[in-house]
Amino acid sequence: MENYEQGVAFIKGIESPFKLKPSKVVPIVKEKIKDFNPTLHTKCWKFYNARPRELVTTYKGEYAAYVEGFDGYLYSRRWADFLIRQLRNKEELARVRRQAI
């Protein structure tokens, strides 16, 4: 039983940071960047190359990873925090907005 509990604690300690769907990232960022929306999120991941444009089932990056079972990309809280920092700069926000979808 002691080994089991240690194993469970170990697994919890390496839990994936990639838990956020875009629909969860948007409200987090929107708290600080009032006009942030799903379209702007798409422009952001493309502008900052947060993930591949096509599905790469083995992809795991700094801010996003392909998650099997979800069958798509999920993002980390670190990604939301990065966007808040970057988009507070009005010139940076304007550059991202010019990104094609």
N, C-alpha and C. Protein backbone atom coordinates (compact mmCIF):
# COMPACT_ATOMS: atom_id res chain seq x y z
N MET A 1 0.82 -1.19 0.00
CA MET A 1 0.00 0.00 0.00
C MET A 1 0.88 1.27 0.00
N GLU A 2 1.97 1.24 0.72
CA GLU A 2 2.87 2.39 0.77
C GLU A 2 3.45 2.69 -0.61
N ASN A 3 3.85 1.63 -1.33
CA ASN A 3 4.37 1.80 -2.69
C ASN A 3 3.32 2.36 -3.63
N TYR A 4 2.08 1.91 -3.46
CA TYR A 4 0.97 2.39 -4.28
C TYR A 4 0.78 3.89 -4.06
N GLU A 5 0.76 4.31 -2.82
CA GLU A 5 0.57 5.72 -2.50
C GLU A 5 1.72 6.58 -3.03
N GLN A 6 2.93 6.06 -2.97
CA GLN A 6 4.08 6.79 -3.52
C GLN A 6 3.95 6.92 -5.03
N GLY A 7 3.49 5.84 -5.67
CA GLY A 7 3.28 5.86 -7.12
C GLY A 7 2.23 6.89 -7.52
N VAL A 8 1.13 6.94 -6.78
CA VAL A 8 0.07 7.91 -7.06
C VAL A 8 0.60 9.33 -6.88
N ALA A 9 1.35 9.56 -5.82
CA ALA A 9 1.93 10.88 -5.57
C ALA A 9 2.88 11.26 -6.70
N PHE A 10 3.66 10.32 -7.20
CA PHE A 10 4.58 10.59 -8.30
C PHE A 10 3.81 10.97 -9.56
N ILE A 11 2.77 10.21 -9.88
CA ILE A 11 1.97 10.48 -11.07
C ILE A 11 1.33 11.86 -10.97
N LYS A 12 0.79 12.21 -9.83
CA LYS A 12 0.19 13.54 -9.65
C LYS A 12 1.24 14.63 -9.81
N GLY A 13 2.45 14.36 -9.41
CA GLY A 13 3.53 15.33 -9.51
C GLY A 13 3.95 15.62 -10.93
N ILE A 14 3.68 14.71 -11.86
CA ILE A 14 4.05 14.92 -13.26
C ILE A 14 2.82 15.12 -14.15
N GLU A 15 1.77 15.60 -13.54
CA GLU A 15 0.54 15.87 -14.27
C GLU A 15 0.80 16.87 -15.40
N SER A 16 0.16 16.67 -16.51
CA SER A 16 0.36 17.52 -17.67
C SER A 16 -0.10 18.95 -17.41
N PRO A 17 0.70 19.94 -17.80
CA PRO A 17 0.28 21.34 -17.66
C PRO A 17 -0.69 21.76 -18.78
N PHE A 18 -0.86 20.92 -19.78
CA PHE A 18 -1.68 21.26 -20.94
C PHE A 18 -3.12 20.81 -20.70
N LYS A 19 -3.91 21.70 -20.14
CA LYS A 19 -5.28 21.37 -19.75
C LYS A 19 -6.32 22.30 -20.34
N LEU A 20 -5.88 23.42 -20.90
CA LEU A 20 -6.82 24.46 -21.29
C LEU A 20 -7.20 24.41 -22.76
N LYS A 21 -8.50 24.28 -23.01
CA LYS A 21 -9.01 24.44 -24.36
C LYS A 21 -8.95 25.93 -24.68
N PRO A 22 -8.97 26.27 -25.96
CA PRO A 22 -9.00 27.70 -26.30
C PRO A 22 -10.16 28.43 -25.60
N SER A 23 -11.29 27.74 -25.45
CA SER A 23 -12.45 28.36 -24.80
C SER A 23 -12.20 28.67 -23.33
N LYS A 24 -11.16 28.10 -22.74
CA LYS A 24 -10.77 28.41 -21.37
C LYS A 24 -9.67 29.47 -21.35
N VAL A 25 -8.81 29.48 -22.38
CA VAL A 25 -7.75 30.48 -22.46
C VAL A 25 -8.35 31.87 -22.66
N VAL A 26 -9.36 31.96 -23.52
CA VAL A 26 -9.93 33.27 -23.88
C VAL A 26 -10.42 34.04 -22.65
N PRO A 27 -11.23 33.46 -21.76
CA PRO A 27 -11.68 34.26 -20.61
C PRO A 27 -10.55 34.65 -19.65
N ILE A 28 -9.54 33.80 -19.54
CA ILE A 28 -8.40 34.13 -18.68
C ILE A 28 -7.70 35.38 -19.20
N VAL A 29 -7.44 35.41 -20.50
CA VAL A 29 -6.75 36.55 -21.10
C VAL A 29 -7.68 37.77 -21.13
N LYS A 30 -8.95 37.53 -21.39
CA LYS A 30 -9.93 38.62 -21.49
C LYS A 30 -10.06 39.41 -20.19
N GLU A 31 -9.73 38.80 -19.07
CA GLU A 31 -9.76 39.53 -17.79
C GLU A 31 -8.81 40.72 -17.82
N LYS A 32 -7.71 40.59 -18.55
CA LYS A 32 -6.69 41.66 -18.60
C LYS A 32 -6.69 42.41 -19.93
N ILE A 33 -7.04 41.71 -21.02
CA ILE A 33 -7.07 42.31 -22.36
C ILE A 33 -8.54 42.26 -22.80
N LYS A 34 -9.25 43.35 -22.58
CA LYS A 34 -10.71 43.37 -22.67
C LYS A 34 -11.30 42.90 -24.00
N ASP A 35 -10.66 43.16 -25.11
CA ASP A 35 -11.25 42.78 -26.39
C ASP A 35 -10.66 41.47 -26.94
N PHE A 36 -10.06 40.66 -26.08
CA PHE A 36 -9.52 39.36 -26.51
C PHE A 36 -10.69 38.44 -26.81
N ASN A 37 -10.57 37.67 -27.90
CA ASN A 37 -11.66 36.79 -28.33
C ASN A 37 -11.07 35.55 -29.02
N PRO A 38 -11.91 34.57 -29.37
CA PRO A 38 -11.39 33.35 -30.01
C PRO A 38 -10.62 33.60 -31.30
N THR A 39 -11.06 34.54 -32.10
CA THR A 39 -10.34 34.84 -33.35
C THR A 39 -8.95 35.37 -33.05
N LEU A 40 -8.85 36.24 -32.06
CA LEU A 40 -7.55 36.78 -31.68
C LEU A 40 -6.66 35.68 -31.10
N HIS A 41 -7.26 34.73 -30.39
CA HIS A 41 -6.47 33.60 -29.88
C HIS A 41 -5.86 32.82 -31.04
N THR A 42 -6.64 32.57 -32.07
CA THR A 42 -6.13 31.85 -33.25
C THR A 42 -4.97 32.62 -33.87
N LYS A 43 -5.15 33.93 -34.01
CA LYS A 43 -4.07 34.75 -34.56
C LYS A 43 -2.83 34.66 -33.68
N CYS A 44 -3.02 34.63 -32.37
CA CYS A 44 -1.89 34.57 -31.44
C CYS A 44 -1.10 33.28 -31.58
N TRP A 45 -1.78 32.13 -31.59
CA TRP A 45 -0.99 30.89 -31.66
C TRP A 45 -0.26 30.79 -32.98
N LYS A 46 -0.83 31.38 -34.03
CA LYS A 46 -0.12 31.39 -35.32
C LYS A 46 1.04 32.38 -35.29
N PHE A 47 0.81 33.57 -34.78
CA PHE A 47 1.83 34.62 -34.73
C PHE A 47 3.03 34.18 -33.90
N TYR A 48 2.78 33.57 -32.75
CA TYR A 48 3.85 33.16 -31.85
C TYR A 48 4.31 31.71 -32.06
N ASN A 49 3.76 31.06 -33.08
CA ASN A 49 4.11 29.66 -33.37
C ASN A 49 4.00 28.78 -32.12
N ALA A 50 2.89 28.93 -31.42
CA ALA A 50 2.69 28.18 -30.18
C ALA A 50 2.48 26.69 -30.44
N ARG A 51 2.03 26.36 -31.65
CA ARG A 51 1.81 24.97 -32.03
C ARG A 51 1.83 24.86 -33.54
N PRO A 52 1.94 23.65 -34.07
CA PRO A 52 1.88 23.50 -35.54
C PRO A 52 0.49 23.83 -36.08
N ARG A 53 0.45 24.23 -37.32
CA ARG A 53 -0.84 24.52 -37.97
C ARG A 53 -1.59 23.23 -38.30
N GLU A 54 -0.86 22.17 -38.54
CA GLU A 54 -1.49 20.88 -38.83
C GLU A 54 -1.42 20.02 -37.56
N LEU A 55 -2.16 18.92 -37.56
CA LEU A 55 -2.13 18.02 -36.41
C LEU A 55 -0.85 17.19 -36.44
N VAL A 56 -0.09 17.32 -35.38
CA VAL A 56 1.11 16.51 -35.18
C VAL A 56 0.91 15.82 -33.84
N THR A 57 0.55 14.56 -33.90
CA THR A 57 0.13 13.86 -32.68
C THR A 57 1.24 13.68 -31.66
N THR A 58 2.47 13.93 -32.03
CA THR A 58 3.59 13.81 -31.09
C THR A 58 4.06 15.17 -30.57
N TYR A 59 3.38 16.24 -30.97
CA TYR A 59 3.84 17.59 -30.62
C TYR A 59 3.61 17.89 -29.13
N LYS A 60 4.65 18.41 -28.51
CA LYS A 60 4.57 18.92 -27.14
C LYS A 60 5.54 20.09 -27.06
N GLY A 61 5.00 21.29 -27.01
CA GLY A 61 5.83 22.49 -26.99
C GLY A 61 5.80 23.17 -25.64
N GLU A 62 6.29 24.38 -25.64
CA GLU A 62 6.35 25.15 -24.39
C GLU A 62 4.96 25.57 -23.91
N TYR A 63 4.07 25.91 -24.86
CA TYR A 63 2.76 26.46 -24.51
C TYR A 63 1.58 25.57 -24.88
N ALA A 64 1.79 24.61 -25.75
CA ALA A 64 0.70 23.76 -26.22
C ALA A 64 1.21 22.36 -26.49
N ALA A 65 0.27 21.41 -26.48
CA ALA A 65 0.62 20.03 -26.80
C ALA A 65 -0.59 19.35 -27.40
N TYR A 66 -0.32 18.39 -28.27
CA TYR A 66 -1.40 17.55 -28.78
C TYR A 66 -1.75 16.58 -27.67
N VAL A 67 -3.04 16.47 -27.37
CA VAL A 67 -3.48 15.60 -26.29
C VAL A 67 -4.37 14.51 -26.86
N GLU A 68 -3.87 13.29 -26.76
CA GLU A 68 -4.63 12.14 -27.22
C GLU A 68 -5.84 11.99 -26.32
N GLY A 69 -6.95 11.58 -26.86
CA GLY A 69 -8.19 11.50 -26.10
C GLY A 69 -9.01 12.75 -26.32
N PHE A 70 -8.35 13.89 -26.28
CA PHE A 70 -9.00 15.15 -26.65
C PHE A 70 -8.94 15.29 -28.17
N ASP A 71 -7.95 14.65 -28.77
CA ASP A 71 -7.73 14.68 -30.22
C ASP A 71 -7.54 16.09 -30.76
N GLY A 72 -6.76 16.85 -30.05
CA GLY A 72 -6.46 18.21 -30.48
C GLY A 72 -5.42 18.81 -29.56
N TYR A 73 -5.22 20.10 -29.73
CA TYR A 73 -4.22 20.81 -28.93
C TYR A 73 -4.87 21.44 -27.71
N LEU A 74 -4.18 21.32 -26.59
CA LEU A 74 -4.55 22.02 -25.37
C LEU A 74 -3.40 22.92 -24.97
N TYR A 75 -3.71 23.95 -24.21
CA TYR A 75 -2.73 24.97 -23.84
C TYR A 75 -2.49 24.98 -22.34
N SER A 76 -1.36 25.55 -21.95
CA SER A 76 -1.02 25.66 -20.54
C SER A 76 -1.40 27.03 -20.01
N ARG A 77 -1.46 27.14 -18.70
CA ARG A 77 -1.70 28.43 -18.06
C ARG A 77 -0.55 29.39 -18.41
N ARG A 78 0.61 28.82 -18.60
CA ARG A 78 1.77 29.61 -18.99
C ARG A 78 1.52 30.36 -20.31
N TRP A 79 0.79 29.72 -21.23
CA TRP A 79 0.43 30.35 -22.51
C TRP A 79 -0.47 31.57 -22.25
N ALA A 80 -1.47 31.41 -21.42
CA ALA A 80 -2.36 32.53 -21.11
C ALA A 80 -1.57 33.68 -20.48
N ASP A 81 -0.69 33.37 -19.55
CA ASP A 81 0.13 34.39 -18.90
C ASP A 81 1.05 35.09 -19.90
N PHE A 82 1.61 34.32 -20.83
CA PHE A 82 2.46 34.88 -21.89
C PHE A 82 1.66 35.87 -22.74
N LEU A 83 0.45 35.47 -23.12
CA LEU A 83 -0.38 36.35 -23.96
C LEU A 83 -0.71 37.65 -23.23
N ILE A 84 -1.01 37.56 -21.97
CA ILE A 84 -1.33 38.76 -21.20
C ILE A 84 -0.13 39.71 -21.19
N ARG A 85 1.04 39.17 -20.94
CA ARG A 85 2.26 40.01 -20.93
C ARG A 85 2.49 40.65 -22.29
N GLN A 86 2.40 39.86 -23.35
CA GLN A 86 2.71 40.36 -24.70
C GLN A 86 1.68 41.38 -25.19
N LEU A 87 0.41 41.08 -24.96
CA LEU A 87 -0.65 41.90 -25.56
C LEU A 87 -0.94 43.17 -24.79
N ARG A 88 -0.34 43.35 -23.64
CA ARG A 88 -0.46 44.62 -22.93
C ARG A 88 0.23 45.73 -23.71
N ASN A 89 1.19 45.35 -24.53
CA ASN A 89 1.88 46.29 -25.40
C ASN A 89 1.00 46.54 -26.63
N LYS A 90 0.50 47.75 -26.76
CA LYS A 90 -0.45 48.08 -27.84
C LYS A 90 0.13 47.84 -29.23
N GLU A 91 1.41 48.11 -29.42
CA GLU A 91 2.04 47.88 -30.72
C GLU A 91 2.11 46.39 -31.04
N GLU A 92 2.42 45.60 -30.03
CA GLU A 92 2.46 44.15 -30.22
C GLU A 92 1.06 43.62 -30.55
N LEU A 93 0.07 44.11 -29.84
CA LEU A 93 -1.31 43.72 -30.10
C LEU A 93 -1.70 44.05 -31.54
N ALA A 94 -1.31 45.22 -32.02
CA ALA A 94 -1.62 45.61 -33.40
C ALA A 94 -0.92 44.67 -34.40
N ARG A 95 0.33 44.29 -34.11
CA ARG A 95 1.04 43.34 -35.00
C ARG A 95 0.32 42.00 -35.05
N VAL A 96 -0.12 41.53 -33.91
CA VAL A 96 -0.83 40.24 -33.86
C VAL A 96 -2.15 40.34 -34.64
N ARG A 97 -2.85 41.43 -34.45
CA ARG A 97 -4.15 41.61 -35.13
C ARG A 97 -3.99 41.56 -36.66
N ARG A 98 -2.85 41.99 -37.15
CA ARG A 98 -2.60 41.96 -38.61
C ARG A 98 -2.32 40.56 -39.12
N GLN A 99 -2.06 39.62 -38.23
CA GLN A 99 -1.80 38.22 -38.61
C GLN A 99 -3.00 37.65 -39.35
N ALA A 100 -2.74 36.98 -40.45
CA ALA A 100 -3.82 36.33 -41.19
C ALA A 100 -4.31 35.10 -40.42
N ILE A 101 -5.56 34.80 -40.60
CA ILE A 101 -6.10 33.60 -39.93
C ILE A 101 -5.86 32.40 -40.74
